[in-house]
């Protein structure tokens, strides 16, 4: 799966969980500082990514991911 497709799907999940517009979500966007994610939403994001991509991720490692771009790179390891 190409990173562009992964990024598009990550953005879709982020918009759904955090109720933000896709235009606000850039690869360098920090989930907490730029997109306003709270700790409970971070867990929802991980669950959303797992559901979207049909993978199970290491939750502790997944929760340490800070930006949208890092999430794309992280998820690519599971789907490629």
PDB file of N, CA and C in Angstrom:
ATOM      1  N   UNK A   1       0.857  -1.182   0.000  1.00  0.00           N
ATOM      2  CA  UNK A   1       0.000   0.000   0.000  1.00  0.00           C
ATOM      3  C   UNK A   1       0.898   1.238   0.000  1.00  0.00           C
ATOM      4  N   UNK A   2       0.573   2.191  -0.840  1.00  0.00           N
ATOM      5  CA  UNK A   2       1.396   3.389  -0.945  1.00  0.00           C
ATOM      6  C   UNK A   2       1.118   4.356   0.208  1.00  0.00           C
ATOM      7  N   UNK A   3       2.141   5.135   0.558  1.00  0.00           N
ATOM      8  CA  UNK A   3       1.993   6.093   1.665  1.00  0.00           C
ATOM      9  C   UNK A   3       0.879   7.098   1.419  1.00  0.00           C
ATOM     10  N   UNK A   4       0.649   7.475   0.170  1.00  0.00           N
ATOM     11  CA  UNK A   4      -0.414   8.436  -0.138  1.00  0.00           C
ATOM     12  C   UNK A   4      -1.775   7.859   0.255  1.00  0.00           C
ATOM     13  N   UNK A   5      -1.996   6.588  -0.071  1.00  0.00           N
ATOM     14  CA  UNK A   5      -3.261   5.949   0.305  1.00  0.00           C
ATOM     15  C   UNK A   5      -3.377   5.836   1.823  1.00  0.00           C
ATOM     16  N   UNK A   6      -2.274   5.452   2.474  1.00  0.00           N
ATOM     17  CA  UNK A   6      -2.280   5.359   3.932  1.00  0.00           C
ATOM     18  C   UNK A   6      -2.596   6.727   4.531  1.00  0.00           C
ATOM     19  N   UNK A   7      -1.938   7.773   4.004  1.00  0.00           N
ATOM     20  CA  UNK A   7      -2.166   9.119   4.536  1.00  0.00           C
ATOM     21  C   UNK A   7      -3.625   9.532   4.366  1.00  0.00           C
ATOM     22  N   UNK A   8      -4.200   9.284   3.209  1.00  0.00           N
ATOM     23  CA  UNK A   8      -5.605   9.649   2.975  1.00  0.00           C
ATOM     24  C   UNK A   8      -6.526   8.962   3.982  1.00  0.00           C
ATOM     25  N   UNK A   9      -6.246   7.698   4.260  1.00  0.00           N
ATOM     26  CA  UNK A   9      -7.084   6.946   5.195  1.00  0.00           C
ATOM     27  C   UNK A   9      -6.839   7.390   6.640  1.00  0.00           C
ATOM     28  N   UNK A  10      -5.594   7.746   6.961  1.00  0.00           N
ATOM     29  CA  UNK A  10      -5.285   8.289   8.289  1.00  0.00           C
ATOM     30  C   UNK A  10      -6.039   9.601   8.488  1.00  0.00           C
ATOM     31  N   UNK A  11      -6.021  10.470   7.480  1.00  0.00           N
ATOM     32  CA  UNK A  11      -6.717  11.754   7.562  1.00  0.00           C
ATOM     33  C   UNK A  11      -8.214  11.522   7.786  1.00  0.00           C
ATOM     34  N   UNK A  12      -8.777  10.550   7.084  1.00  0.00           N
ATOM     35  CA  UNK A  12     -10.206  10.239   7.232  1.00  0.00           C
ATOM     36  C   UNK A  12     -10.525   9.860   8.686  1.00  0.00           C
ATOM     37  N   UNK A  13      -9.700   9.011   9.276  1.00  0.00           N
ATOM     38  CA  UNK A  13      -9.912   8.593  10.666  1.00  0.00           C
ATOM     39  C   UNK A  13      -9.747   9.784  11.610  1.00  0.00           C
ATOM     40  N   UNK A  14      -8.698  10.566  11.407  1.00  0.00           N
ATOM     41  CA  UNK A  14      -8.434  11.733  12.257  1.00  0.00           C
ATOM     42  C   UNK A  14      -9.619  12.700  12.209  1.00  0.00           C
ATOM     43  N   UNK A  15     -10.122  12.968  11.016  1.00  0.00           N
ATOM     44  CA  UNK A  15     -11.263  13.886  10.880  1.00  0.00           C
ATOM     45  C   UNK A  15     -12.486  13.346  11.609  1.00  0.00           C
ATOM     46  N   UNK A  16     -12.709  12.052  11.516  1.00  0.00           N
ATOM     47  CA  UNK A  16     -13.859  11.445  12.172  1.00  0.00           C
ATOM     48  C   UNK A  16     -13.769  11.473  13.684  1.00  0.00           C
ATOM     49  N   UNK A  17     -12.592  11.143  14.206  1.00  0.00           N
ATOM     50  CA  UNK A  17     -12.422  11.065  15.664  1.00  0.00           C
ATOM     51  C   UNK A  17     -12.326  12.457  16.292  1.00  0.00           C
ATOM     52  N   UNK A  18     -11.592  13.365  15.648  1.00  0.00           N
ATOM     53  CA  UNK A  18     -11.329  14.671  16.251  1.00  0.00           C
ATOM     54  C   UNK A  18     -12.255  15.772  15.744  1.00  0.00           C
ATOM     55  N   UNK A  19     -13.138  15.439  14.818  1.00  0.00           N
ATOM     56  CA  UNK A  19     -14.078  16.422  14.250  1.00  0.00           C
ATOM     57  C   UNK A  19     -13.355  17.662  13.727  1.00  0.00           C
ATOM     58  N   UNK A  20     -12.331  17.429  12.916  1.00  0.00           N
ATOM     59  CA  UNK A  20     -11.606  18.526  12.269  1.00  0.00           C
ATOM     60  C   UNK A  20     -11.769  18.399  10.762  1.00  0.00           C
ATOM     61  N   UNK A  21     -11.566  19.505  10.056  1.00  0.00           N
ATOM     62  CA  UNK A  21     -11.634  19.490   8.599  1.00  0.00           C
ATOM     63  C   UNK A  21     -10.341  18.909   8.036  1.00  0.00           C
ATOM     64  N   UNK A  22     -10.467  18.207   6.920  1.00  0.00           N
ATOM     65  CA  UNK A  22      -9.306  17.577   6.292  1.00  0.00           C
ATOM     66  C   UNK A  22      -8.217  18.595   5.951  1.00  0.00           C
ATOM     67  N   UNK A  23      -8.620  19.838   5.639  1.00  0.00           N
ATOM     68  CA  UNK A  23      -7.632  20.871   5.290  1.00  0.00           C
ATOM     69  C   UNK A  23      -6.713  21.198   6.470  1.00  0.00           C
ATOM     70  N   UNK A  24      -7.169  20.922   7.680  1.00  0.00           N
ATOM     71  CA  UNK A  24      -6.354  21.200   8.876  1.00  0.00           C
ATOM     72  C   UNK A  24      -5.313  20.122   9.126  1.00  0.00           C
ATOM     73  N   UNK A  25      -5.461  18.973   8.498  1.00  0.00           N
ATOM     74  CA  UNK A  25      -4.627  17.804   8.801  1.00  0.00           C
ATOM     75  C   UNK A  25      -3.482  17.715   7.803  1.00  0.00           C
ATOM     76  N   UNK A  26      -2.291  18.055   8.274  1.00  0.00           N
ATOM     77  CA  UNK A  26      -1.070  17.999   7.465  1.00  0.00           C
ATOM     78  C   UNK A  26      -0.156  16.917   8.042  1.00  0.00           C
ATOM     79  N   UNK A  27       0.804  16.425   7.251  1.00  0.00           N
ATOM     80  CA  UNK A  27       1.723  15.409   7.797  1.00  0.00           C
ATOM     81  C   UNK A  27       2.430  15.859   9.085  1.00  0.00           C
ATOM     82  N   UNK A  28       2.734  17.174   9.178  1.00  0.00           N
ATOM     83  CA  UNK A  28       3.442  17.656  10.374  1.00  0.00           C
ATOM     84  C   UNK A  28       2.496  18.016  11.521  1.00  0.00           C
ATOM     85  N   UNK A  29       1.194  17.856  11.324  1.00  0.00           N
ATOM     86  CA  UNK A  29       0.224  18.193  12.379  1.00  0.00           C
ATOM     87  C   UNK A  29       0.402  17.278  13.591  1.00  0.00           C
ATOM     88  N   UNK A  30       0.546  17.906  14.750  1.00  0.00           N
ATOM     89  CA  UNK A  30       0.647  17.166  16.005  1.00  0.00           C
ATOM     90  C   UNK A  30      -0.773  16.891  16.494  1.00  0.00           C
ATOM     91  N   UNK A  31      -1.034  15.640  16.870  1.00  0.00           N
ATOM     92  CA  UNK A  31      -2.392  15.268  17.278  1.00  0.00           C
ATOM     93  C   UNK A  31      -2.893  16.106  18.453  1.00  0.00           C
ATOM     94  N   UNK A  32      -2.032  16.358  19.420  1.00  0.00           N
ATOM     95  CA  UNK A  32      -2.443  17.082  20.623  1.00  0.00           C
ATOM     96  C   UNK A  32      -2.396  18.589  20.401  1.00  0.00           C
ATOM     97  N   UNK A  33      -1.239  19.096  19.983  1.00  0.00           N
ATOM     98  CA  UNK A  33      -1.034  20.542  19.933  1.00  0.00           C
ATOM     99  C   UNK A  33      -1.716  21.220  18.748  1.00  0.00           C
ATOM    100  N   UNK A  34      -1.757  20.543  17.596  1.00  0.00           N
ATOM    101  CA  UNK A  34      -2.348  21.160  16.415  1.00  0.00           C
ATOM    102  C   UNK A  34      -3.807  20.778  16.198  1.00  0.00           C
ATOM    103  N   UNK A  35      -4.143  19.543  16.577  1.00  0.00           N
ATOM    104  CA  UNK A  35      -5.481  19.036  16.277  1.00  0.00           C
ATOM    105  C   UNK A  35      -6.363  18.884  17.514  1.00  0.00           C
ATOM    106  N   UNK A  36      -5.805  19.155  18.698  1.00  0.00           N
ATOM    107  CA  UNK A  36      -6.605  19.199  19.916  1.00  0.00           C
ATOM    108  C   UNK A  36      -7.017  17.861  20.501  1.00  0.00           C
ATOM    109  N   UNK A  37      -6.288  16.795  20.177  1.00  0.00           N
ATOM    110  CA  UNK A  37      -6.646  15.470  20.704  1.00  0.00           C
ATOM    111  C   UNK A  37      -6.428  15.420  22.213  1.00  0.00           C
ATOM    112  N   UNK A  38      -7.390  14.846  22.917  1.00  0.00           N
ATOM    113  CA  UNK A  38      -7.251  14.581  24.347  1.00  0.00           C
ATOM    114  C   UNK A  38      -6.861  13.124  24.500  1.00  0.00           C
ATOM    115  N   UNK A  39      -6.442  12.728  25.705  1.00  0.00           N
ATOM    116  CA  UNK A  39      -5.929  11.374  25.887  1.00  0.00           C
ATOM    117  C   UNK A  39      -6.939  10.301  25.491  1.00  0.00           C
ATOM    118  N   UNK A  40      -8.208  10.507  25.808  1.00  0.00           N
ATOM    119  CA  UNK A  40      -9.206   9.504  25.437  1.00  0.00           C
ATOM    120  C   UNK A  40      -9.358   9.420  23.910  1.00  0.00           C
ATOM    121  N   UNK A  41      -9.174  10.544  23.244  1.00  0.00           N
ATOM    122  CA  UNK A  41      -9.267  10.545  21.786  1.00  0.00           C
ATOM    123  C   UNK A  41      -8.053   9.867  21.152  1.00  0.00           C
ATOM    124  N   UNK A  42      -6.922   9.908  21.832  1.00  0.00           N
ATOM    125  CA  UNK A  42      -5.750   9.220  21.318  1.00  0.00           C
ATOM    126  C   UNK A  42      -6.022   7.722  21.240  1.00  0.00           C
ATOM    127  N   UNK A  43      -6.693   7.200  22.246  1.00  0.00           N
ATOM    128  CA  UNK A  43      -7.054   5.780  22.252  1.00  0.00           C
ATOM    129  C   UNK A  43      -8.060   5.498  21.131  1.00  0.00           C
ATOM    130  N   UNK A  44      -8.999   6.423  20.929  1.00  0.00           N
ATOM    131  CA  UNK A  44      -9.973   6.267  19.836  1.00  0.00           C
ATOM    132  C   UNK A  44      -9.284   6.306  18.472  1.00  0.00           C
ATOM    133  N   UNK A  45      -8.267   7.138  18.354  1.00  0.00           N
ATOM    134  CA  UNK A  45      -7.517   7.204  17.095  1.00  0.00           C
ATOM    135  C   UNK A  45      -6.850   5.861  16.801  1.00  0.00           C
ATOM    136  N   UNK A  46      -6.190   5.290  17.791  1.00  0.00           N
ATOM    137  CA  UNK A  46      -5.524   4.003  17.603  1.00  0.00           C
ATOM    138  C   UNK A  46      -6.550   2.948  17.188  1.00  0.00           C
ATOM    139  N   UNK A  47      -7.682   2.915  17.882  1.00  0.00           N
ATOM    140  CA  UNK A  47      -8.740   1.948  17.545  1.00  0.00           C
ATOM    141  C   UNK A  47      -9.256   2.198  16.131  1.00  0.00           C
ATOM    142  N   UNK A  48      -9.413   3.467  15.774  1.00  0.00           N
ATOM    143  CA  UNK A  48      -9.869   3.812  14.430  1.00  0.00           C
ATOM    144  C   UNK A  48      -8.887   3.379  13.353  1.00  0.00           C
ATOM    145  N   UNK A  49      -7.589   3.560  13.615  1.00  0.00           N
ATOM    146  CA  UNK A  49      -6.568   3.131  12.653  1.00  0.00           C
ATOM    147  C   UNK A  49      -6.572   1.610  12.519  1.00  0.00           C
ATOM    148  N   UNK A  50      -6.700   0.924  13.645  1.00  0.00           N
ATOM    149  CA  UNK A  50      -6.734  -0.543  13.603  1.00  0.00           C
ATOM    150  C   UNK A  50      -7.918  -1.033  12.775  1.00  0.00           C
ATOM    151  N   UNK A  51      -9.076  -0.412  12.979  1.00  0.00           N
ATOM    152  CA  UNK A  51     -10.273  -0.799  12.235  1.00  0.00           C
ATOM    153  C   UNK A  51     -10.132  -0.451  10.750  1.00  0.00           C
ATOM    154  N   UNK A  52      -9.662   0.745  10.468  1.00  0.00           N
ATOM    155  CA  UNK A  52      -9.519   1.210   9.080  1.00  0.00           C
ATOM    156  C   UNK A  52      -8.583   0.319   8.271  1.00  0.00           C
ATOM    157  N   UNK A  53      -7.488  -0.113   8.909  1.00  0.00           N
ATOM    158  CA  UNK A  53      -6.466  -0.865   8.180  1.00  0.00           C
ATOM    159  C   UNK A  53      -6.512  -2.364   8.451  1.00  0.00           C
ATOM    160  N   UNK A  54      -7.406  -2.805   9.342  1.00  0.00           N
ATOM    161  CA  UNK A  54      -7.530  -4.230   9.622  1.00  0.00           C
ATOM    162  C   UNK A  54      -6.286  -4.823  10.254  1.00  0.00           C
ATOM    163  N   UNK A  55      -5.652  -4.056  11.151  1.00  0.00           N
ATOM    164  CA  UNK A  55      -4.428  -4.520  11.814  1.00  0.00           C
ATOM    165  C   UNK A  55      -4.565  -4.351  13.322  1.00  0.00           C
ATOM    166  N   UNK A  56      -3.732  -5.067  14.050  1.00  0.00           N
ATOM    167  CA  UNK A  56      -3.617  -4.838  15.491  1.00  0.00           C
ATOM    168  C   UNK A  56      -2.248  -4.238  15.738  1.00  0.00           C
ATOM    169  N   UNK A  57      -2.232  -3.115  16.428  1.00  0.00           N
ATOM    170  CA  UNK A  57      -0.977  -2.419  16.676  1.00  0.00           C
ATOM    171  C   UNK A  57      -0.611  -2.513  18.154  1.00  0.00           C
ATOM    172  N   UNK A  58       0.665  -2.365  18.422  1.00  0.00           N
ATOM    173  CA  UNK A  58       1.137  -2.267  19.796  1.00  0.00           C
ATOM    174  C   UNK A  58       0.621  -0.940  20.345  1.00  0.00           C
ATOM    175  N   UNK A  59      -0.328  -1.010  21.284  1.00  0.00           N
ATOM    176  CA  UNK A  59      -0.978   0.219  21.766  1.00  0.00           C
ATOM    177  C   UNK A  59      -0.007   1.199  22.389  1.00  0.00           C
ATOM    178  N   UNK A  60       0.933   0.708  23.169  1.00  0.00           N
ATOM    179  CA  UNK A  60       1.883   1.616  23.818  1.00  0.00           C
ATOM    180  C   UNK A  60       2.716   2.354  22.772  1.00  0.00           C
ATOM    181  N   UNK A  61       3.195   1.620  21.775  1.00  0.00           N
ATOM    182  CA  UNK A  61       3.984   2.242  20.709  1.00  0.00           C
ATOM    183  C   UNK A  61       3.102   3.182  19.888  1.00  0.00           C
ATOM    184  N   UNK A  62       1.879   2.766  19.599  1.00  0.00           N
ATOM    185  CA  UNK A  62       0.973   3.595  18.799  1.00  0.00           C
ATOM    186  C   UNK A  62       0.648   4.898  19.513  1.00  0.00           C
ATOM    187  N   UNK A  63       0.472   4.839  20.819  1.00  0.00           N
ATOM    188  CA  UNK A  63       0.131   6.046  21.575  1.00  0.00           C
ATOM    189  C   UNK A  63       1.303   7.022  21.676  1.00  0.00           C
ATOM    190  N   UNK A  64       2.512   6.564  21.377  1.00  0.00           N
ATOM    191  CA  UNK A  64       3.670   7.457  21.418  1.00  0.00           C
ATOM    192  C   UNK A  64       3.831   8.240  20.118  1.00  0.00           C
ATOM    193  N   UNK A  65       3.059   7.887  19.086  1.00  0.00           N
ATOM    194  CA  UNK A  65       3.112   8.589  17.803  1.00  0.00           C
ATOM    195  C   UNK A  65       2.508   9.983  17.995  1.00  0.00           C
ATOM    196  N   UNK A  66       3.228  11.011  17.555  1.00  0.00           N
ATOM    197  CA  UNK A  66       2.830  12.395  17.836  1.00  0.00           C
ATOM    198  C   UNK A  66       2.202  13.137  16.664  1.00  0.00           C
ATOM    199  N   UNK A  67       2.601  12.792  15.430  1.00  0.00           N
ATOM    200  CA  UNK A  67       2.130  13.562  14.274  1.00  0.00           C
ATOM    201  C   UNK A  67       1.432  12.657  13.260  1.00  0.00           C
ATOM    202  N   UNK A  68       0.713  13.287  12.351  1.00  0.00           N
ATOM    203  CA  UNK A  68       0.020  12.561  11.289  1.00  0.00           C
ATOM    204  C   UNK A  68       1.029  11.805  10.423  1.00  0.00           C
ATOM    205  N   UNK A  69       2.119  12.468  10.060  1.00  0.00           N
ATOM    206  CA  UNK A  69       3.157  11.821   9.247  1.00  0.00           C
ATOM    207  C   UNK A  69       3.765  10.623   9.948  1.00  0.00           C
ATOM    208  N   UNK A  70       4.006  10.755  11.252  1.00  0.00           N
ATOM    209  CA  UNK A  70       4.538   9.628  12.021  1.00  0.00           C
ATOM    210  C   UNK A  70       3.539   8.474  12.042  1.00  0.00           C
ATOM    211  N   UNK A  71       2.255   8.795  12.106  1.00  0.00           N
ATOM    212  CA  UNK A  71       1.228   7.753  12.099  1.00  0.00           C
ATOM    213  C   UNK A  71       1.240   7.004  10.773  1.00  0.00           C
ATOM    214  N   UNK A  72       1.407   7.741   9.668  1.00  0.00           N
ATOM    215  CA  UNK A  72       1.470   7.101   8.355  1.00  0.00           C
ATOM    216  C   UNK A  72       2.646   6.137   8.305  1.00  0.00           C
ATOM    217  N   UNK A  73       3.818   6.579   8.757  1.00  0.00           N
ATOM    218  CA  UNK A  73       5.014   5.740   8.766  1.00  0.00           C
ATOM    219  C   UNK A  73       4.815   4.523   9.668  1.00  0.00           C
ATOM    220  N   UNK A  74       4.221   4.743  10.832  1.00  0.00           N
ATOM    221  CA  UNK A  74       3.974   3.684  11.806  1.00  0.00           C
ATOM    222  C   UNK A  74       3.033   2.636  11.214  1.00  0.00           C
ATOM    223  N   UNK A  75       1.940   3.078  10.635  1.00  0.00           N
ATOM    224  CA  UNK A  75       0.944   2.167  10.082  1.00  0.00           C
ATOM    225  C   UNK A  75       1.497   1.427   8.864  1.00  0.00           C
ATOM    226  N   UNK A  76       2.338   2.094   8.082  1.00  0.00           N
ATOM    227  CA  UNK A  76       2.935   1.457   6.899  1.00  0.00           C
ATOM    228  C   UNK A  76       3.709   0.195   7.281  1.00  0.00           C
ATOM    229  N   UNK A  77       4.308   0.184   8.466  1.00  0.00           N
ATOM    230  CA  UNK A  77       5.044  -0.999   8.927  1.00  0.00           C
ATOM    231  C   UNK A  77       4.109  -2.189   9.110  1.00  0.00           C
ATOM    232  N   UNK A  78       2.854  -1.913   9.443  1.00  0.00           N
ATOM    233  CA  UNK A  78       1.887  -2.990   9.673  1.00  0.00           C
ATOM    234  C   UNK A  78       1.217  -3.469   8.395  1.00  0.00           C
ATOM    235  N   UNK A  79       1.032  -2.592   7.436  1.00  0.00           N
ATOM    236  CA  UNK A  79       0.268  -2.955   6.249  1.00  0.00           C
ATOM    237  C   UNK A  79       1.138  -3.341   5.051  1.00  0.00           C
ATOM    238  N   UNK A  80       2.420  -3.045   5.113  1.00  0.00           N
ATOM    239  CA  UNK A  80       3.307  -3.386   3.983  1.00  0.00           C
ATOM    240  C   UNK A  80       4.159  -4.593   4.285  1.00  0.00           C
TER     241      UNK A  80
END
